[in-house]
Amino acid sequence: MKIKLLFTPFLYLFIAAASYGQTTQIRGFLDVTGAYNKKATFGFGEQDLYITSAISDRISFLGETVFKYDSEAHSEFAISIERVIITYNLKDNHNLVLGKIHTPLNYWNDTYHHGRVLFPTIDRPLLFSQNIIPLHTLGAGFEGRNLGRMKFGYNLFVGNGLGSSEVEDNDRAKSVTAAVHIKPADRLRLGLSYYYDVISAGADVHGMDVDHRVNQHLISASVARFGKKFELLTEATTALNHTDTTGTKTTLAGYIYAGYKIKEKYVPYVRYDNIQYQNGEMYYNKNNKQSFVAGFRYEINYLAVVKLEYQHIDNEFGVNVDKVTAQFAIGF
């Protein structure tokens, strides 16, 4: 009798799992580049392992792990857990989300992960490399997609703040992200988002020690239109960083991308980036920058893309950069 009672729960779980039929998919992304900036250089980008699994009719899992070169370790590669997401479907298109996500502050960060084959350009806009927005948040929240005639979507997420580790928060404050978007027409998406966090004094953020407590507000807006021929993506972020010593300082960062498809596979494109810091900014590494990109994308298919790009960067210190980069990106 005791053996039967112990065995029954395991039998039930086995039958339940078998009746659902779990589906797990593993995909990957990889890119290699060749660049010329006073010298020719070949480089290995990121190898991205992307896993999705349907646990039940309501529970799903997404994991994303990136293997990339660690410039500080010299000739060694580092493993980075980029996303670990458990999603529970509450009702219809409303979900409870737990784990580490890409902070849904703008279209780029919410749409493109680390697979360069999906990027419209070779690399991300400057506001990412300048650490204007927090790329990831670890916490819990709610999301909704494709609601009503306007295909309304929303994200509300509470998580560990900047300066925290992957396993605990470094202070009592929590970050809050609130984002909404609509799709009023086919292939058109309009978005608006807000982010708030308190960065405590002494926190290590992006390799920089923060000397003063910072109250940060980020407001972002985006317009994305990827039509059958014309592509347009423009986004702007206003960062308001407040300290007791400097008051509130404003940073403006944005970009505009435009491309045009020729015979479906060939896409010439341009992108303009601009970042302007207010005098007295203490949280960001103040270095006003502008960038112009002109490129050509050849889409062999949806899993193989070749890009060729010229980029010119101006900064306030008069150090200009001109480089030509070619990239071959694949999905597998």
Protein backbone atom coordinates (compact mmCIF):
# COMPACT_ATOMS: atom_id res chain seq x y z
CA MET A 1 0.00 0.00 0.00
CA LYS A 2 2.81 2.46 0.91
CA ILE A 3 4.63 1.73 -2.36
CA LYS A 4 1.45 2.42 -4.30
CA LEU A 5 0.84 5.74 -2.52
CA LEU A 6 4.41 6.92 -3.16
CA PHE A 7 4.29 5.94 -6.80
CA THR A 8 0.94 7.60 -7.60
CA PRO A 9 2.15 11.28 -7.71
CA PHE A 10 5.02 10.42 -10.04
CA LEU A 11 2.69 8.47 -12.29
CA TYR A 12 0.31 11.42 -12.41
CA LEU A 13 3.09 13.85 -13.40
CA PHE A 14 4.33 11.47 -16.08
CA ILE A 15 0.86 11.10 -17.58
CA ALA A 16 0.24 14.88 -17.46
CA ALA A 17 3.54 15.65 -19.20
CA ALA A 18 3.02 12.95 -21.79
CA SER A 19 -0.49 14.18 -22.57
CA TYR A 20 0.77 17.72 -23.22
CA GLY A 21 3.82 16.85 -25.28
CA GLN A 22 6.57 19.32 -24.34
CA THR A 23 8.15 21.19 -27.27
CA THR A 24 11.72 22.49 -26.97
CA GLN A 25 13.59 24.32 -29.73
CA ILE A 26 17.28 25.25 -29.77
CA ARG A 27 18.51 27.86 -32.20
CA GLY A 28 21.79 29.70 -32.59
CA PHE A 29 23.26 32.83 -34.12
CA LEU A 30 26.81 33.71 -35.14
CA ASP A 31 28.59 36.55 -36.93
CA VAL A 32 32.10 37.29 -38.21
CA THR A 33 33.39 40.67 -39.32
CA GLY A 34 36.17 42.30 -41.27
CA ALA A 35 36.93 45.98 -40.67
CA TYR A 36 39.33 48.67 -41.86
CA ASN A 37 40.25 51.61 -39.60
CA LYS A 38 43.88 52.51 -40.40
CA LYS A 39 44.50 48.75 -40.46
CA ALA A 40 42.61 45.66 -41.60
CA THR A 41 41.12 43.53 -38.82
CA PHE A 42 39.10 40.32 -38.75
CA GLY A 43 36.91 39.55 -35.79
CA PHE A 44 34.64 36.92 -34.30
CA GLY A 45 31.42 38.39 -32.95
CA GLU A 46 29.03 36.56 -30.64
CA GLN A 47 27.77 32.99 -30.62
CA ASP A 48 24.24 33.12 -29.31
CA LEU A 49 22.43 30.03 -28.02
CA TYR A 50 18.68 30.59 -28.00
CA ILE A 51 16.33 28.08 -26.32
CA THR A 52 12.54 28.10 -26.10
CA SER A 53 10.38 25.46 -24.45
CA ALA A 54 6.64 25.03 -23.97
CA ILE A 55 6.28 23.47 -20.51
CA SER A 56 2.49 23.36 -20.56
CA ASP A 57 -0.36 25.12 -22.33
CA ARG A 58 0.21 28.12 -20.02
CA ILE A 59 3.89 27.98 -19.01
CA SER A 60 6.82 28.63 -21.35
CA PHE A 61 10.56 29.18 -20.99
CA LEU A 62 13.07 31.26 -22.93
CA GLY A 63 16.81 31.19 -22.37
CA GLU A 64 19.54 33.10 -24.18
CA THR A 65 23.25 32.52 -23.56
CA VAL A 66 26.00 34.39 -25.39
CA PHE A 67 29.62 33.32 -25.82
CA LYS A 68 31.78 36.34 -26.64
CA TYR A 69 35.34 37.61 -26.48
CA ASP A 70 36.33 39.15 -23.15
CA SER A 71 38.61 42.11 -23.90
CA GLU A 72 39.69 42.37 -20.25
CA ALA A 73 40.70 38.69 -20.02
CA HIS A 74 42.75 38.84 -23.26
CA SER A 75 42.32 35.96 -25.69
CA GLU A 76 39.61 34.34 -23.59
CA PHE A 77 35.89 34.02 -24.14
CA ALA A 78 33.22 34.80 -21.56
CA ILE A 79 29.77 33.29 -21.07
CA SER A 80 26.93 35.73 -20.51
CA ILE A 81 23.39 34.75 -19.50
CA GLU A 82 21.46 37.40 -21.42
CA ARG A 83 17.89 36.26 -20.76
CA VAL A 84 16.15 33.70 -18.58
CA ILE A 85 12.38 34.13 -18.79
CA ILE A 86 9.49 32.08 -17.41
CA THR A 87 6.15 33.19 -18.80
CA TYR A 88 2.77 32.23 -17.35
CA ASN A 89 -0.26 32.98 -19.50
CA LEU A 90 -2.93 34.54 -17.30
CA LYS A 91 -5.66 34.94 -19.90
CA ASP A 92 -5.73 35.48 -23.64
CA ASN A 93 -2.67 37.65 -24.46
CA HIS A 94 -1.95 38.75 -20.87
CA ASN A 95 1.12 37.17 -19.24
CA LEU A 96 3.01 37.08 -15.97
CA VAL A 97 6.76 37.28 -16.65
CA LEU A 98 9.55 36.24 -14.27
CA GLY A 99 13.32 36.34 -14.76
CA LYS A 100 15.93 38.38 -16.63
CA ILE A 101 14.57 40.28 -19.61
CA HIS A 102 15.68 42.86 -22.14
CA THR A 103 14.36 46.06 -20.58
CA PRO A 104 11.46 47.06 -22.90
CA LEU A 105 12.46 50.72 -23.14
CA ASN A 106 12.57 51.01 -26.91
CA TYR A 107 11.84 49.05 -30.06
CA TRP A 108 15.43 47.96 -30.66
CA ASN A 109 16.01 46.54 -27.18
CA ASP A 110 12.58 44.90 -27.12
CA THR A 111 12.78 43.38 -30.62
CA TYR A 112 16.38 42.49 -31.48
CA HIS A 113 18.34 40.12 -29.27
CA HIS A 114 21.98 39.19 -29.91
CA GLY A 115 21.50 37.53 -33.31
CA ARG A 116 23.13 40.00 -35.72
CA VAL A 117 21.40 38.30 -38.64
CA LEU A 118 18.22 40.07 -37.46
CA PHE A 119 19.77 43.55 -37.10
CA PRO A 120 19.02 46.05 -39.90
CA THR A 121 22.60 47.39 -39.47
CA ILE A 122 25.86 45.74 -38.42
CA ASP A 123 25.78 46.96 -34.84
CA ARG A 124 23.48 48.67 -32.35
CA PRO A 125 23.00 52.45 -32.28
CA LEU A 126 25.35 54.59 -30.16
CA LEU A 127 22.92 54.97 -27.26
CA PHE A 128 23.61 51.31 -26.44
CA SER A 129 27.41 51.50 -26.52
CA GLN A 130 27.25 54.71 -24.44
CA ASN A 131 25.14 52.91 -21.79
CA ILE A 132 22.29 55.41 -21.99
CA ILE A 133 19.67 52.75 -21.30
CA PRO A 134 19.80 49.66 -19.04
CA LEU A 135 19.87 46.64 -21.35
CA HIS A 136 18.57 44.06 -18.85
CA THR A 137 16.33 43.90 -15.80
CA LEU A 138 15.97 40.99 -13.39
CA GLY A 139 12.58 40.83 -11.70
CA ALA A 140 8.87 40.24 -12.33
CA GLY A 141 6.07 41.91 -14.22
CA PHE A 142 3.13 41.74 -16.58
CA GLU A 143 2.83 42.08 -20.34
CA GLY A 144 0.10 42.11 -22.96
CA ARG A 145 0.30 41.83 -26.75
CA ASN A 146 -1.97 42.46 -29.73
CA LEU A 147 -4.98 43.64 -27.72
CA GLY A 148 -7.96 45.06 -29.57
CA ARG A 149 -8.20 46.64 -32.99
CA MET A 150 -5.08 48.79 -32.48
CA LYS A 151 -3.06 45.75 -31.34
CA PHE A 152 -2.23 47.51 -28.09
CA GLY A 153 0.66 46.16 -26.02
CA TYR A 154 2.01 46.94 -22.58
CA ASN A 155 4.85 46.02 -20.19
CA LEU A 156 5.00 46.69 -16.46
CA PHE A 157 8.14 45.35 -14.80
CA VAL A 158 9.71 45.73 -11.35
CA GLY A 159 13.27 44.54 -10.82
CA ASN A 160 16.71 44.93 -9.32
CA GLY A 161 18.26 48.29 -10.02
CA LEU A 162 21.48 49.28 -11.75
CA GLY A 163 24.56 48.17 -9.86
CA SER A 164 22.93 44.90 -8.75
CA SER A 165 24.26 41.42 -9.38
CA GLU A 166 22.49 38.51 -11.07
CA VAL A 167 21.42 37.03 -7.72
CA GLU A 168 20.60 40.01 -5.46
CA ASP A 169 19.88 43.72 -5.40
CA ASN A 170 22.58 46.04 -4.14
CA ASP A 171 20.14 48.38 -2.36
CA ARG A 172 16.52 48.63 -1.20
CA ALA A 173 15.31 50.59 -4.23
CA LYS A 174 13.70 48.80 -7.17
CA SER A 175 13.67 49.78 -10.81
CA VAL A 176 10.30 50.28 -12.52
CA THR A 177 9.65 50.01 -16.26
CA ALA A 178 6.33 50.94 -17.87
CA ALA A 179 5.90 50.73 -21.64
CA VAL A 180 3.00 50.86 -24.10
CA HIS A 181 2.78 50.51 -27.86
CA ILE A 182 0.19 50.29 -30.61
CA LYS A 183 0.18 48.94 -34.16
CA PRO A 184 -2.37 51.17 -35.92
CA ALA A 185 -1.45 49.87 -39.39
CA ASP A 186 0.23 46.87 -40.92
CA ARG A 187 4.00 46.85 -40.24
CA LEU A 188 3.77 50.06 -38.15
CA ARG A 189 4.54 50.26 -34.41
CA LEU A 190 4.43 53.34 -32.16
CA GLY A 191 5.86 53.08 -28.66
CA LEU A 192 6.32 55.10 -25.47
CA SER A 193 8.11 54.03 -22.26
CA TYR A 194 9.27 55.22 -18.84
CA TYR A 195 11.99 53.90 -16.54
CA TYR A 196 12.85 54.87 -12.96
CA ASP A 197 15.69 53.74 -10.75
CA VAL A 198 17.81 54.89 -7.82
CA ILE A 199 21.54 54.21 -8.26
CA SER A 200 23.14 54.19 -4.82
CA ALA A 201 26.50 55.82 -4.09
CA GLY A 202 29.35 53.32 -4.44
CA ALA A 203 27.53 51.16 -7.01
CA ASP A 204 29.55 49.69 -9.87
CA VAL A 205 27.66 50.38 -13.09
CA HIS A 206 29.21 49.48 -16.46
CA GLY A 207 32.66 49.37 -14.87
CA MET A 208 32.28 52.84 -13.38
CA ASP A 209 32.06 53.64 -9.66
CA VAL A 210 29.14 55.97 -8.96
CA ASP A 211 30.24 58.64 -6.45
CA HIS A 212 26.83 60.10 -5.66
CA ARG A 213 23.30 58.73 -5.28
CA VAL A 214 21.48 59.21 -8.60
CA ASN A 215 17.74 59.32 -9.18
CA GLN A 216 17.26 58.38 -12.82
CA HIS A 217 14.24 58.91 -15.06
CA LEU A 218 14.29 57.69 -18.67
CA ILE A 219 11.58 58.59 -21.18
CA SER A 220 11.69 56.97 -24.63
CA ALA A 221 9.59 57.13 -27.78
CA SER A 222 9.85 55.12 -31.00
CA VAL A 223 8.39 54.83 -34.48
CA ALA A 224 9.01 51.64 -36.45
CA ARG A 225 7.75 51.05 -39.97
CA PHE A 226 9.15 48.03 -41.81
CA GLY A 227 7.17 47.88 -45.01
CA LYS A 228 7.58 45.65 -48.01
CA LYS A 229 9.89 48.24 -49.59
CA PHE A 230 10.65 51.14 -47.23
CA GLU A 231 12.10 50.70 -43.73
CA LEU A 232 12.06 53.41 -41.05
CA LEU A 233 13.08 53.21 -37.41
CA THR A 234 13.59 56.27 -35.23
CA GLU A 235 13.91 56.42 -31.45
CA ALA A 236 14.73 59.07 -28.86
CA THR A 237 15.52 58.84 -25.16
CA THR A 238 15.58 61.64 -22.61
CA ALA A 239 17.61 60.80 -19.50
CA LEU A 240 17.09 62.88 -16.36
CA ASN A 241 19.78 62.18 -13.74
CA HIS A 242 19.42 63.94 -10.39
CA THR A 243 22.04 64.22 -7.64
CA ASP A 244 22.03 66.39 -4.51
CA THR A 245 25.17 68.21 -5.67
CA THR A 246 24.41 68.89 -9.35
CA GLY A 247 20.62 68.89 -9.43
CA THR A 248 18.93 67.43 -12.52
CA LYS A 249 20.96 67.05 -15.71
CA THR A 250 19.42 66.11 -19.04
CA THR A 251 20.89 63.83 -21.71
CA LEU A 252 19.30 63.54 -25.16
CA ALA A 253 20.06 60.48 -27.28
CA GLY A 254 18.47 59.22 -30.45
CA TYR A 255 18.88 57.81 -33.94
CA ILE A 256 17.04 57.48 -37.21
CA TYR A 257 17.43 54.55 -39.61
CA ALA A 258 16.05 54.31 -43.15
CA GLY A 259 16.38 51.54 -45.73
CA TYR A 260 14.87 50.62 -49.07
CA LYS A 261 14.45 47.09 -50.42
CA ILE A 262 15.45 46.43 -54.00
CA LYS A 263 14.11 43.15 -55.39
CA GLU A 264 13.51 41.87 -51.83
CA LYS A 265 17.12 40.81 -51.14
CA TYR A 266 19.10 44.06 -51.53
CA VAL A 267 18.73 46.86 -48.97
CA PRO A 268 20.79 50.09 -49.08
CA TYR A 269 20.40 51.99 -45.82
CA VAL A 270 21.56 54.94 -43.72
CA ARG A 271 21.53 55.72 -39.99
CA TYR A 272 22.22 58.91 -38.05
CA ASP A 273 22.95 58.92 -34.29
CA ASN A 274 23.22 61.89 -31.93
CA ILE A 275 23.99 62.01 -28.19
CA GLN A 276 24.13 65.31 -26.28
CA TYR A 277 24.97 65.63 -22.57
CA GLN A 278 24.20 68.64 -20.41
CA ASN A 279 27.13 70.36 -18.72
CA GLY A 280 27.64 69.01 -15.21
CA GLU A 281 26.44 65.48 -16.00
CA MET A 282 28.06 63.12 -13.45
CA TYR A 283 26.50 59.72 -14.08
CA TYR A 284 27.33 59.18 -17.76
CA ASN A 285 30.81 59.51 -19.26
CA LYS A 286 30.15 62.88 -20.91
CA ASN A 287 31.27 62.80 -24.54
CA ASN A 288 28.88 64.34 -27.06
CA LYS A 289 28.83 62.19 -30.19
CA GLN A 290 27.37 62.11 -33.66
CA SER A 291 27.55 59.21 -36.09
CA PHE A 292 26.63 58.66 -39.72
CA VAL A 293 26.28 55.17 -41.20
CA ALA A 294 25.77 54.22 -44.83
CA GLY A 295 25.49 50.55 -45.69
CA PHE A 296 24.23 47.79 -47.94
CA ARG A 297 22.52 44.59 -46.79
CA TYR A 298 22.20 41.44 -48.89
CA GLU A 299 19.64 39.02 -47.46
CA ILE A 300 20.57 35.60 -48.82
CA ASN A 301 17.63 34.25 -46.84
CA TYR A 302 16.22 34.83 -43.36
CA LEU A 303 19.11 32.84 -41.81
CA ALA A 304 22.04 34.35 -43.75
CA VAL A 305 22.78 38.05 -44.26
CA VAL A 306 25.82 39.94 -45.58
CA LYS A 307 26.31 43.64 -44.71
CA LEU A 308 28.84 46.24 -45.82
CA GLU A 309 29.01 49.53 -43.95
CA TYR A 310 30.84 52.85 -43.73
CA GLN A 311 30.67 54.76 -40.43
CA HIS A 312 31.90 58.21 -39.47
CA ILE A 313 31.88 59.28 -35.79
CA ASP A 314 32.48 62.80 -34.43
CA ASN A 315 32.90 63.54 -30.72
CA GLU A 316 33.37 66.72 -28.72
CA PHE A 317 37.07 66.02 -28.10
CA GLY A 318 37.83 66.18 -31.81
CA VAL A 319 38.73 62.48 -32.11
CA ASN A 320 36.98 61.37 -35.29
CA VAL A 321 36.59 57.80 -36.50
CA ASP A 322 36.16 56.56 -40.07
CA LYS A 323 35.83 52.84 -40.64
CA VAL A 324 34.53 50.33 -43.14
CA THR A 325 33.07 47.07 -41.84
CA ALA A 326 31.79 43.91 -43.52
CA GLN A 327 29.78 41.29 -41.66
CA PHE A 328 28.48 37.82 -42.40
CA ALA A 329 25.77 36.82 -39.93
CA ILE A 330 23.89 33.52 -39.81
CA GLY A 331 21.25 31.72 -37.80
CA PHE A 332 21.32 27.97 -37.29
